[in-house]
All heavy atoms as atom14 arrays in JSON, in Angstrom:
{
  "sequence": "AENAVRIQIAVALIAFLLLRLAQATQNAVHSPLVFARLVRTN",
  "atom14_mask": [
    [1, 1, 1, 1, 1, 0, 0, 0, 0, 0, 0, 0, 0, 0],
    [1, 1, 1, 1, 1, 1, 1, 1, 1, 0, 0, 0, 0, 0],
    [1, 1, 1, 1, 1, 1, 1, 1, 0, 0, 0, 0, 0, 0],
    [1, 1, 1, 1, 1, 0, 0, 0, 0, 0, 0, 0, 0, 0],
    [1, 1, 1, 1, 1, 1, 1, 0, 0, 0, 0, 0, 0, 0],
    [1, 1, 1, 1, 1, 1, 1, 1, 1, 1, 1, 0, 0, 0],
    [1, 1, 1, 1, 1, 1, 1, 1, 0, 0, 0, 0, 0, 0],
    [1, 1, 1, 1, 1, 1, 1, 1, 1, 0, 0, 0, 0, 0],
    [1, 1, 1, 1, 1, 1, 1, 1, 0, 0, 0, 0, 0, 0],
    [1, 1, 1, 1, 1, 0, 0, 0, 0, 0, 0, 0, 0, 0],
    [1, 1, 1, 1, 1, 1, 1, 0, 0, 0, 0, 0, 0, 0],
    [1, 1, 1, 1, 1, 0, 0, 0, 0, 0, 0, 0, 0, 0],
    [1, 1, 1, 1, 1, 1, 1, 1, 0, 0, 0, 0, 0, 0],
    [1, 1, 1, 1, 1, 1, 1, 1, 0, 0, 0, 0, 0, 0],
    [1, 1, 1, 1, 1, 0, 0, 0, 0, 0, 0, 0, 0, 0],
    [1, 1, 1, 1, 1, 1, 1, 1, 1, 1, 1, 0, 0, 0],
    [1, 1, 1, 1, 1, 1, 1, 1, 0, 0, 0, 0, 0, 0],
    [1, 1, 1, 1, 1, 1, 1, 1, 0, 0, 0, 0, 0, 0],
    [1, 1, 1, 1, 1, 1, 1, 1, 0, 0, 0, 0, 0, 0],
    [1, 1, 1, 1, 1, 1, 1, 1, 1, 1, 1, 0, 0, 0],
    [1, 1, 1, 1, 1, 1, 1, 1, 0, 0, 0, 0, 0, 0],
    [1, 1, 1, 1, 1, 0, 0, 0, 0, 0, 0, 0, 0, 0],
    [1, 1, 1, 1, 1, 1, 1, 1, 1, 0, 0, 0, 0, 0],
    [1, 1, 1, 1, 1, 0, 0, 0, 0, 0, 0, 0, 0, 0],
    [1, 1, 1, 1, 1, 1, 1, 0, 0, 0, 0, 0, 0, 0],
    [1, 1, 1, 1, 1, 1, 1, 1, 1, 0, 0, 0, 0, 0],
    [1, 1, 1, 1, 1, 1, 1, 1, 0, 0, 0, 0, 0, 0],
    [1, 1, 1, 1, 1, 0, 0, 0, 0, 0, 0, 0, 0, 0],
    [1, 1, 1, 1, 1, 1, 1, 0, 0, 0, 0, 0, 0, 0],
    [1, 1, 1, 1, 1, 1, 1, 1, 1, 1, 0, 0, 0, 0],
    [1, 1, 1, 1, 1, 1, 0, 0, 0, 0, 0, 0, 0, 0],
    [1, 1, 1, 1, 1, 1, 1, 0, 0, 0, 0, 0, 0, 0],
    [1, 1, 1, 1, 1, 1, 1, 1, 0, 0, 0, 0, 0, 0],
    [1, 1, 1, 1, 1, 1, 1, 0, 0, 0, 0, 0, 0, 0],
    [1, 1, 1, 1, 1, 1, 1, 1, 1, 1, 1, 0, 0, 0],
    [1, 1, 1, 1, 1, 0, 0, 0, 0, 0, 0, 0, 0, 0],
    [1, 1, 1, 1, 1, 1, 1, 1, 1, 1, 1, 0, 0, 0],
    [1, 1, 1, 1, 1, 1, 1, 1, 0, 0, 0, 0, 0, 0],
    [1, 1, 1, 1, 1, 1, 1, 0, 0, 0, 0, 0, 0, 0],
    [1, 1, 1, 1, 1, 1, 1, 1, 1, 1, 1, 0, 0, 0],
    [1, 1, 1, 1, 1, 1, 1, 0, 0, 0, 0, 0, 0, 0],
    [1, 1, 1, 1, 1, 1, 1, 1, 0, 0, 0, 0, 0, 0]
  ],
  "atom14_positions": [
    [[-12.54, 13.39, -33.87], [-13.53, 12.37, -34.35], [-14.65, 12.21, -33.32], [-14.48, 12.47, -32.11], [-12.92, 10.99, -34.54], [0.0, 0.0, 0.0], [0.0, 0.0, 0.0], [0.0, 0.0, 0.0], [0.0, 0.0, 0.0], [0.0, 0.0, 0.0], [0.0, 0.0, 0.0], [0.0, 0.0, 0.0], [0.0, 0.0, 0.0], [0.0, 0.0, 0.0]],
    [[-15.83, 11.87, -33.7], [-17.01, 11.73, -32.75], [-16.7, 10.72, -31.67], [-17.03, 10.94, -30.51], [-18.2, 11.29, -33.5], [-19.43, 11.14, -32.6], [-20.7, 10.69, -33.39], [-20.67, 10.66, -34.61], [-21.68, 10.2, -32.71], [0.0, 0.0, 0.0], [0.0, 0.0, 0.0], [0.0, 0.0, 0.0], [0.0, 0.0, 0.0], [0.0, 0.0, 0.0]],
    [[-16.02, 9.61, -31.99], [-15.78, 8.7, -31.04], [-14.74, 9.07, -30.03], [-14.92, 8.74, -28.85], [-15.15, 7.33, -31.84], [-15.24, 6.08, -30.91], [-16.1, 5.93, -30.11], [-14.15, 5.31, -31.02], [0.0, 0.0, 0.0], [0.0, 0.0, 0.0], [0.0, 0.0, 0.0], [0.0, 0.0, 0.0], [0.0, 0.0, 0.0], [0.0, 0.0, 0.0]],
    [[-13.78, 9.83, -30.49], [-12.76, 10.35, -29.55], [-13.47, 11.39, -28.55], [-13.13, 11.28, -27.31], [-11.58, 11.17, -30.3], [0.0, 0.0, 0.0], [0.0, 0.0, 0.0], [0.0, 0.0, 0.0], [0.0, 0.0, 0.0], [0.0, 0.0, 0.0], [0.0, 0.0, 0.0], [0.0, 0.0, 0.0], [0.0, 0.0, 0.0], [0.0, 0.0, 0.0]],
    [[-14.37, 12.18, -29.05], [-15.03, 13.04, -28.07], [-15.89, 12.33, -27.08], [-16.0, 12.59, -25.83], [-15.9, 14.08, -28.88], [-16.77, 14.9, -28.03], [-14.99, 15.04, -29.7], [0.0, 0.0, 0.0], [0.0, 0.0, 0.0], [0.0, 0.0, 0.0], [0.0, 0.0, 0.0], [0.0, 0.0, 0.0], [0.0, 0.0, 0.0], [0.0, 0.0, 0.0]],
    [[-16.59, 11.25, -27.67], [-17.45, 10.43, -26.68], [-16.61, 9.81, -25.66], [-17.04, 9.76, -24.45], [-18.23, 9.48, -27.62], [-19.34, 10.01, -28.38], [-19.97, 8.95, -29.17], [-21.09, 9.37, -30.03], [-22.36, 9.36, -29.65], [-22.71, 8.92, -28.51], [-23.25, 9.84, -30.56], [0.0, 0.0, 0.0], [0.0, 0.0, 0.0], [0.0, 0.0, 0.0]],
    [[-15.55, 9.18, -25.96], [-14.62, 8.56, -25.07], [-14.12, 9.44, -23.98], [-14.06, 9.15, -22.76], [-13.45, 7.78, -25.78], [-14.01, 6.54, -26.52], [-12.43, 7.31, -24.84], [-13.08, 5.88, -27.45], [0.0, 0.0, 0.0], [0.0, 0.0, 0.0], [0.0, 0.0, 0.0], [0.0, 0.0, 0.0], [0.0, 0.0, 0.0], [0.0, 0.0, 0.0]],
    [[-13.73, 10.67, -24.4], [-13.19, 11.62, -23.55], [-14.12, 12.06, -22.53], [-13.98, 12.17, -21.29], [-12.56, 12.76, -24.22], [-11.82, 13.81, -23.4], [-11.05, 14.8, -24.03], [-11.0, 14.9, -25.31], [-10.59, 15.89, -23.3], [0.0, 0.0, 0.0], [0.0, 0.0, 0.0], [0.0, 0.0, 0.0], [0.0, 0.0, 0.0], [0.0, 0.0, 0.0]],
    [[-15.39, 12.32, -23.02], [-16.46, 12.69, -22.05], [-16.85, 11.55, -21.24], [-17.11, 11.67, -20.0], [-17.75, 13.22, -22.9], [-17.45, 14.56, -23.53], [-18.99, 13.33, -22.01], [-18.46, 15.0, -24.45], [0.0, 0.0, 0.0], [0.0, 0.0, 0.0], [0.0, 0.0, 0.0], [0.0, 0.0, 0.0], [0.0, 0.0, 0.0], [0.0, 0.0, 0.0]],
    [[-16.89, 10.28, -21.76], [-17.2, 9.13, -20.87], [-16.22, 9.0, -19.76], [-16.51, 8.73, -18.59], [-17.29, 7.95, -21.77], [0.0, 0.0, 0.0], [0.0, 0.0, 0.0], [0.0, 0.0, 0.0], [0.0, 0.0, 0.0], [0.0, 0.0, 0.0], [0.0, 0.0, 0.0], [0.0, 0.0, 0.0], [0.0, 0.0, 0.0], [0.0, 0.0, 0.0]],
    [[-14.98, 9.13, -20.15], [-13.88, 8.88, -19.06], [-14.0, 9.97, -18.05], [-13.84, 9.79, -16.79], [-12.48, 8.86, -19.79], [-11.31, 8.96, -18.68], [-12.24, 7.58, -20.62], [0.0, 0.0, 0.0], [0.0, 0.0, 0.0], [0.0, 0.0, 0.0], [0.0, 0.0, 0.0], [0.0, 0.0, 0.0], [0.0, 0.0, 0.0], [0.0, 0.0, 0.0]],
    [[-14.24, 11.2, -18.44], [-14.35, 12.3, -17.46], [-15.54, 12.08, -16.62], [-15.4, 12.32, -15.38], [-14.4, 13.58, -18.23], [0.0, 0.0, 0.0], [0.0, 0.0, 0.0], [0.0, 0.0, 0.0], [0.0, 0.0, 0.0], [0.0, 0.0, 0.0], [0.0, 0.0, 0.0], [0.0, 0.0, 0.0], [0.0, 0.0, 0.0], [0.0, 0.0, 0.0]],
    [[-16.65, 11.6, -17.21], [-17.89, 11.3, -16.28], [-17.6, 10.25, -15.27], [-17.98, 10.35, -14.18], [-19.05, 10.97, -17.26], [-19.7, 12.13, -17.92], [-20.74, 11.59, -18.97], [-20.48, 13.02, -16.93], [0.0, 0.0, 0.0], [0.0, 0.0, 0.0], [0.0, 0.0, 0.0], [0.0, 0.0, 0.0], [0.0, 0.0, 0.0], [0.0, 0.0, 0.0]],
    [[-16.92, 9.15, -15.73], [-16.56, 8.05, -14.9], [-15.68, 8.64, -13.73], [-15.94, 8.3, -12.57], [-15.88, 6.86, -15.63], [-16.82, 6.26, -16.55], [-15.23, 5.94, -14.68], [-16.22, 5.21, -17.48], [0.0, 0.0, 0.0], [0.0, 0.0, 0.0], [0.0, 0.0, 0.0], [0.0, 0.0, 0.0], [0.0, 0.0, 0.0], [0.0, 0.0, 0.0]],
    [[-14.72, 9.38, -13.97], [-13.78, 9.88, -13.0], [-14.65, 10.75, -12.09], [-14.47, 10.64, -10.81], [-12.69, 10.69, -13.56], [0.0, 0.0, 0.0], [0.0, 0.0, 0.0], [0.0, 0.0, 0.0], [0.0, 0.0, 0.0], [0.0, 0.0, 0.0], [0.0, 0.0, 0.0], [0.0, 0.0, 0.0], [0.0, 0.0, 0.0], [0.0, 0.0, 0.0]],
    [[-15.53, 11.57, -12.6], [-16.34, 12.53, -11.77], [-17.16, 11.72, -10.86], [-17.3, 11.93, -9.69], [-17.22, 13.35, -12.6], [-18.19, 14.17, -11.95], [-17.8, 15.32, -11.32], [-19.5, 13.85, -11.95], [-18.82, 16.15, -10.57], [-20.47, 14.61, -11.25], [-20.09, 15.73, -10.63], [0.0, 0.0, 0.0], [0.0, 0.0, 0.0], [0.0, 0.0, 0.0]],
    [[-17.9, 10.64, -11.33], [-18.81, 9.75, -10.57], [-18.04, 9.03, -9.5], [-18.49, 8.85, -8.4], [-19.64, 8.85, -11.52], [-20.61, 9.62, -12.38], [-21.25, 8.62, -13.29], [-21.73, 10.31, -11.52], [0.0, 0.0, 0.0], [0.0, 0.0, 0.0], [0.0, 0.0, 0.0], [0.0, 0.0, 0.0], [0.0, 0.0, 0.0], [0.0, 0.0, 0.0]],
    [[-16.75, 8.52, -9.87], [-16.01, 7.81, -8.79], [-15.65, 8.82, -7.68], [-15.65, 8.35, -6.54], [-14.82, 7.18, -9.43], [-15.02, 5.93, -10.33], [-13.8, 5.51, -11.01], [-15.58, 4.81, -9.47], [0.0, 0.0, 0.0], [0.0, 0.0, 0.0], [0.0, 0.0, 0.0], [0.0, 0.0, 0.0], [0.0, 0.0, 0.0], [0.0, 0.0, 0.0]],
    [[-15.24, 10.09, -8.1], [-14.86, 11.01, -7.03], [-16.16, 11.25, -6.15], [-16.0, 11.4, -4.83], [-14.4, 12.25, -7.63], [-12.9, 12.29, -7.9], [-12.56, 13.59, -8.67], [-12.16, 12.26, -6.58], [0.0, 0.0, 0.0], [0.0, 0.0, 0.0], [0.0, 0.0, 0.0], [0.0, 0.0, 0.0], [0.0, 0.0, 0.0], [0.0, 0.0, 0.0]],
    [[-17.27, 11.43, -6.76], [-18.49, 11.61, -5.98], [-18.93, 10.59, -4.97], [-19.29, 10.63, -3.93], [-19.71, 12.03, -6.86], [-19.63, 13.45, -7.49], [-19.56, 14.45, -6.28], [-19.62, 15.76, -6.82], [-20.59, 16.61, -6.71], [-21.72, 16.29, -6.1], [-20.54, 17.95, -7.22], [0.0, 0.0, 0.0], [0.0, 0.0, 0.0], [0.0, 0.0, 0.0]],
    [[-18.72, 9.35, -5.66], [-19.04, 8.1, -4.75], [-18.03, 8.02, -3.58], [-18.37, 7.7, -2.46], [-18.96, 6.87, -5.54], [-20.16, 6.66, -6.55], [-19.92, 5.45, -7.46], [-21.45, 6.4, -5.71], [0.0, 0.0, 0.0], [0.0, 0.0, 0.0], [0.0, 0.0, 0.0], [0.0, 0.0, 0.0], [0.0, 0.0, 0.0], [0.0, 0.0, 0.0]],
    [[-16.83, 8.32, -3.8], [-15.71, 8.23, -2.76], [-16.01, 9.22, -1.7], [-15.87, 9.13, -0.56], [-14.31, 8.34, -3.33], [0.0, 0.0, 0.0], [0.0, 0.0, 0.0], [0.0, 0.0, 0.0], [0.0, 0.0, 0.0], [0.0, 0.0, 0.0], [0.0, 0.0, 0.0], [0.0, 0.0, 0.0], [0.0, 0.0, 0.0], [0.0, 0.0, 0.0]],
    [[-16.42, 10.49, -2.3], [-16.69, 11.53, -1.33], [-17.89, 11.25, -0.41], [-17.84, 11.59, 0.78], [-16.98, 12.83, -1.99], [-17.2, 14.0, -1.03], [-17.92, 15.22, -1.72], [-18.33, 15.15, -2.76], [-18.01, 16.25, -0.9], [0.0, 0.0, 0.0], [0.0, 0.0, 0.0], [0.0, 0.0, 0.0], [0.0, 0.0, 0.0], [0.0, 0.0, 0.0]],
    [[-18.86, 10.54, -0.94], [-20.04, 10.21, -0.16], [-19.77, 9.19, 0.9], [-20.5, 9.1, 1.88], [-21.19, 9.57, -1.04], [0.0, 0.0, 0.0], [0.0, 0.0, 0.0], [0.0, 0.0, 0.0], [0.0, 0.0, 0.0], [0.0, 0.0, 0.0], [0.0, 0.0, 0.0], [0.0, 0.0, 0.0], [0.0, 0.0, 0.0], [0.0, 0.0, 0.0]],
    [[-18.66, 8.47, 0.81], [-18.33, 7.44, 1.84], [-17.6, 8.05, 2.96], [-17.22, 7.28, 3.96], [-17.39, 6.35, 1.23], [-16.2, 6.84, 0.77], [-18.06, 5.64, 0.02], [0.0, 0.0, 0.0], [0.0, 0.0, 0.0], [0.0, 0.0, 0.0], [0.0, 0.0, 0.0], [0.0, 0.0, 0.0], [0.0, 0.0, 0.0], [0.0, 0.0, 0.0]],
    [[-17.22, 9.26, 3.1], [-16.49, 9.85, 4.07], [-17.16, 11.05, 4.66], [-18.06, 11.56, 4.08], [-14.99, 10.24, 3.62], [-14.93, 11.12, 2.43], [-15.02, 12.55, 2.77], [-14.49, 13.05, 3.75], [-15.88, 13.25, 1.92], [0.0, 0.0, 0.0], [0.0, 0.0, 0.0], [0.0, 0.0, 0.0], [0.0, 0.0, 0.0], [0.0, 0.0, 0.0]],
    [[-16.74, 11.48, 5.81], [-17.41, 12.67, 6.45], [-16.44, 13.78, 6.8], [-16.82, 14.81, 7.3], [-18.05, 12.24, 7.8], [-19.2, 11.32, 7.59], [-19.93, 11.35, 6.64], [-19.32, 10.3, 8.44], [0.0, 0.0, 0.0], [0.0, 0.0, 0.0], [0.0, 0.0, 0.0], [0.0, 0.0, 0.0], [0.0, 0.0, 0.0], [0.0, 0.0, 0.0]],
    [[-15.16, 13.63, 6.38], [-14.11, 14.58, 6.79], [-14.17, 15.92, 5.87], [-14.02, 16.99, 6.42], [-12.75, 14.01, 6.78], [0.0, 0.0, 0.0], [0.0, 0.0, 0.0], [0.0, 0.0, 0.0], [0.0, 0.0, 0.0], [0.0, 0.0, 0.0], [0.0, 0.0, 0.0], [0.0, 0.0, 0.0], [0.0, 0.0, 0.0], [0.0, 0.0, 0.0]],
    [[-14.46, 15.7, 4.64], [-14.42, 16.87, 3.69], [-15.85, 16.9, 3.07], [-16.25, 15.97, 2.44], [-13.3, 16.61, 2.55], [-13.32, 17.84, 1.65], [-11.97, 16.41, 3.22], [0.0, 0.0, 0.0], [0.0, 0.0, 0.0], [0.0, 0.0, 0.0], [0.0, 0.0, 0.0], [0.0, 0.0, 0.0], [0.0, 0.0, 0.0], [0.0, 0.0, 0.0]],
    [[-16.45, 18.04, 3.17], [-17.73, 18.16, 2.64], [-17.82, 18.82, 1.22], [-18.72, 18.62, 0.46], [-18.55, 19.08, 3.64], [-18.77, 18.44, 4.9], [-19.49, 17.3, 5.16], [-18.19, 18.7, 6.18], [-19.46, 16.93, 6.43], [-18.7, 17.81, 6.99], [0.0, 0.0, 0.0], [0.0, 0.0, 0.0], [0.0, 0.0, 0.0], [0.0, 0.0, 0.0]],
    [[-16.78, 19.53, 0.83], [-16.76, 20.17, -0.44], [-16.32, 19.17, -1.51], [-15.19, 18.68, -1.32], [-15.97, 21.45, -0.38], [-15.69, 21.92, -1.71], [0.0, 0.0, 0.0], [0.0, 0.0, 0.0], [0.0, 0.0, 0.0], [0.0, 0.0, 0.0], [0.0, 0.0, 0.0], [0.0, 0.0, 0.0], [0.0, 0.0, 0.0], [0.0, 0.0, 0.0]],
    [[-17.03, 19.12, -2.59], [-16.63, 18.26, -3.71], [-15.28, 18.73, -4.27], [-14.38, 17.9, -4.6], [-17.71, 18.3, -4.74], [-18.94, 18.77, -3.93], [-18.42, 19.54, -2.89], [0.0, 0.0, 0.0], [0.0, 0.0, 0.0], [0.0, 0.0, 0.0], [0.0, 0.0, 0.0], [0.0, 0.0, 0.0], [0.0, 0.0, 0.0], [0.0, 0.0, 0.0]],
    [[-15.11, 19.93, -4.4], [-13.84, 20.54, -5.0], [-12.59, 20.32, -4.11], [-11.66, 19.9, -4.53], [-14.08, 22.0, -5.25], [-12.83, 22.76, -5.88], [-12.56, 22.13, -7.24], [-13.12, 24.26, -6.13], [0.0, 0.0, 0.0], [0.0, 0.0, 0.0], [0.0, 0.0, 0.0], [0.0, 0.0, 0.0], [0.0, 0.0, 0.0], [0.0, 0.0, 0.0]],
    [[-12.79, 20.52, -2.78], [-11.69, 20.33, -1.9], [-11.41, 18.82, -1.87], [-10.17, 18.41, -1.8], [-12.14, 20.78, -0.5], [-11.0, 20.42, 0.61], [-12.3, 22.29, -0.49], [0.0, 0.0, 0.0], [0.0, 0.0, 0.0], [0.0, 0.0, 0.0], [0.0, 0.0, 0.0], [0.0, 0.0, 0.0], [0.0, 0.0, 0.0], [0.0, 0.0, 0.0]],
    [[-12.35, 17.93, -1.89], [-12.14, 16.54, -1.86], [-11.42, 16.09, -3.18], [-10.46, 15.26, -3.11], [-13.52, 15.78, -1.81], [-13.35, 14.3, -1.69], [-12.97, 13.64, -0.52], [-13.48, 13.43, -2.79], [-12.69, 12.39, -0.38], [-13.32, 12.11, -2.73], [-12.86, 11.54, -1.47], [0.0, 0.0, 0.0], [0.0, 0.0, 0.0], [0.0, 0.0, 0.0]],
    [[-11.75, 16.64, -4.36], [-11.17, 16.25, -5.54], [-9.64, 16.72, -5.54], [-8.75, 16.04, -5.98], [-11.83, 16.96, -6.75], [0.0, 0.0, 0.0], [0.0, 0.0, 0.0], [0.0, 0.0, 0.0], [0.0, 0.0, 0.0], [0.0, 0.0, 0.0], [0.0, 0.0, 0.0], [0.0, 0.0, 0.0], [0.0, 0.0, 0.0], [0.0, 0.0, 0.0]],
    [[-9.38, 17.9, -4.93], [-8.01, 18.33, -4.78], [-7.24, 17.49, -3.92], [-6.11, 17.15, -4.14], [-7.96, 19.78, -4.34], [-8.52, 20.84, -5.42], [-8.41, 22.25, -4.81], [-8.8, 23.17, -5.83], [-9.44, 24.31, -5.59], [-9.47, 24.77, -4.33], [-9.73, 25.08, -6.53], [0.0, 0.0, 0.0], [0.0, 0.0, 0.0], [0.0, 0.0, 0.0]],
    [[-7.89, 16.97, -2.79], [-7.15, 16.1, -1.81], [-6.86, 14.83, -2.5], [-5.79, 14.34, -2.23], [-8.14, 15.98, -0.64], [-7.55, 15.35, 0.54], [-6.45, 16.19, 1.17], [-8.66, 15.17, 1.64], [0.0, 0.0, 0.0], [0.0, 0.0, 0.0], [0.0, 0.0, 0.0], [0.0, 0.0, 0.0], [0.0, 0.0, 0.0], [0.0, 0.0, 0.0]],
    [[-7.76, 14.27, -3.22], [-7.5, 13.01, -3.95], [-6.37, 13.12, -4.87], [-5.52, 12.38, -5.08], [-8.71, 12.46, -4.61], [-8.49, 11.26, -5.47], [-9.71, 12.04, -3.51], [0.0, 0.0, 0.0], [0.0, 0.0, 0.0], [0.0, 0.0, 0.0], [0.0, 0.0, 0.0], [0.0, 0.0, 0.0], [0.0, 0.0, 0.0], [0.0, 0.0, 0.0]],
    [[-6.51, 14.26, -5.7], [-5.46, 14.49, -6.72], [-4.05, 14.61, -6.12], [-3.09, 14.15, -6.7], [-5.77, 15.8, -7.47], [-4.82, 16.08, -8.63], [-5.04, 17.35, -9.42], [-6.41, 17.67, -9.52], [-6.86, 18.85, -9.33], [-6.02, 19.89, -9.07], [-8.15, 19.19, -9.42], [0.0, 0.0, 0.0], [0.0, 0.0, 0.0], [0.0, 0.0, 0.0]],
    [[-3.9, 15.33, -5.07], [-2.61, 15.49, -4.37], [-2.05, 14.16, -3.73], [-0.93, 14.07, -3.5], [-2.56, 16.65, -3.45], [-3.51, 16.39, -2.42], [-2.75, 17.93, -4.05], [0.0, 0.0, 0.0], [0.0, 0.0, 0.0], [0.0, 0.0, 0.0], [0.0, 0.0, 0.0], [0.0, 0.0, 0.0], [0.0, 0.0, 0.0], [0.0, 0.0, 0.0]],
    [[-2.99, 13.26, -3.31], [-2.62, 12.06, -2.63], [-2.92, 10.84, -3.5], [-2.94, 9.72, -2.87], [-3.42, 11.95, -1.27], [-3.13, 13.0, -0.34], [-1.94, 12.93, 0.25], [-3.88, 14.02, -0.14], [0.0, 0.0, 0.0], [0.0, 0.0, 0.0], [0.0, 0.0, 0.0], [0.0, 0.0, 0.0], [0.0, 0.0, 0.0], [0.0, 0.0, 0.0]]
  ]
}
């Protein structure tokens, strides 16, 4: 359904933006992909 697709994209965008904001607050990991993996494992 259109609503299901919109919700899934919105949730993924929110998660992406939260990860980017969290990455911007730190200086230890510069790569967005490495940072996302680090957050996922921890």
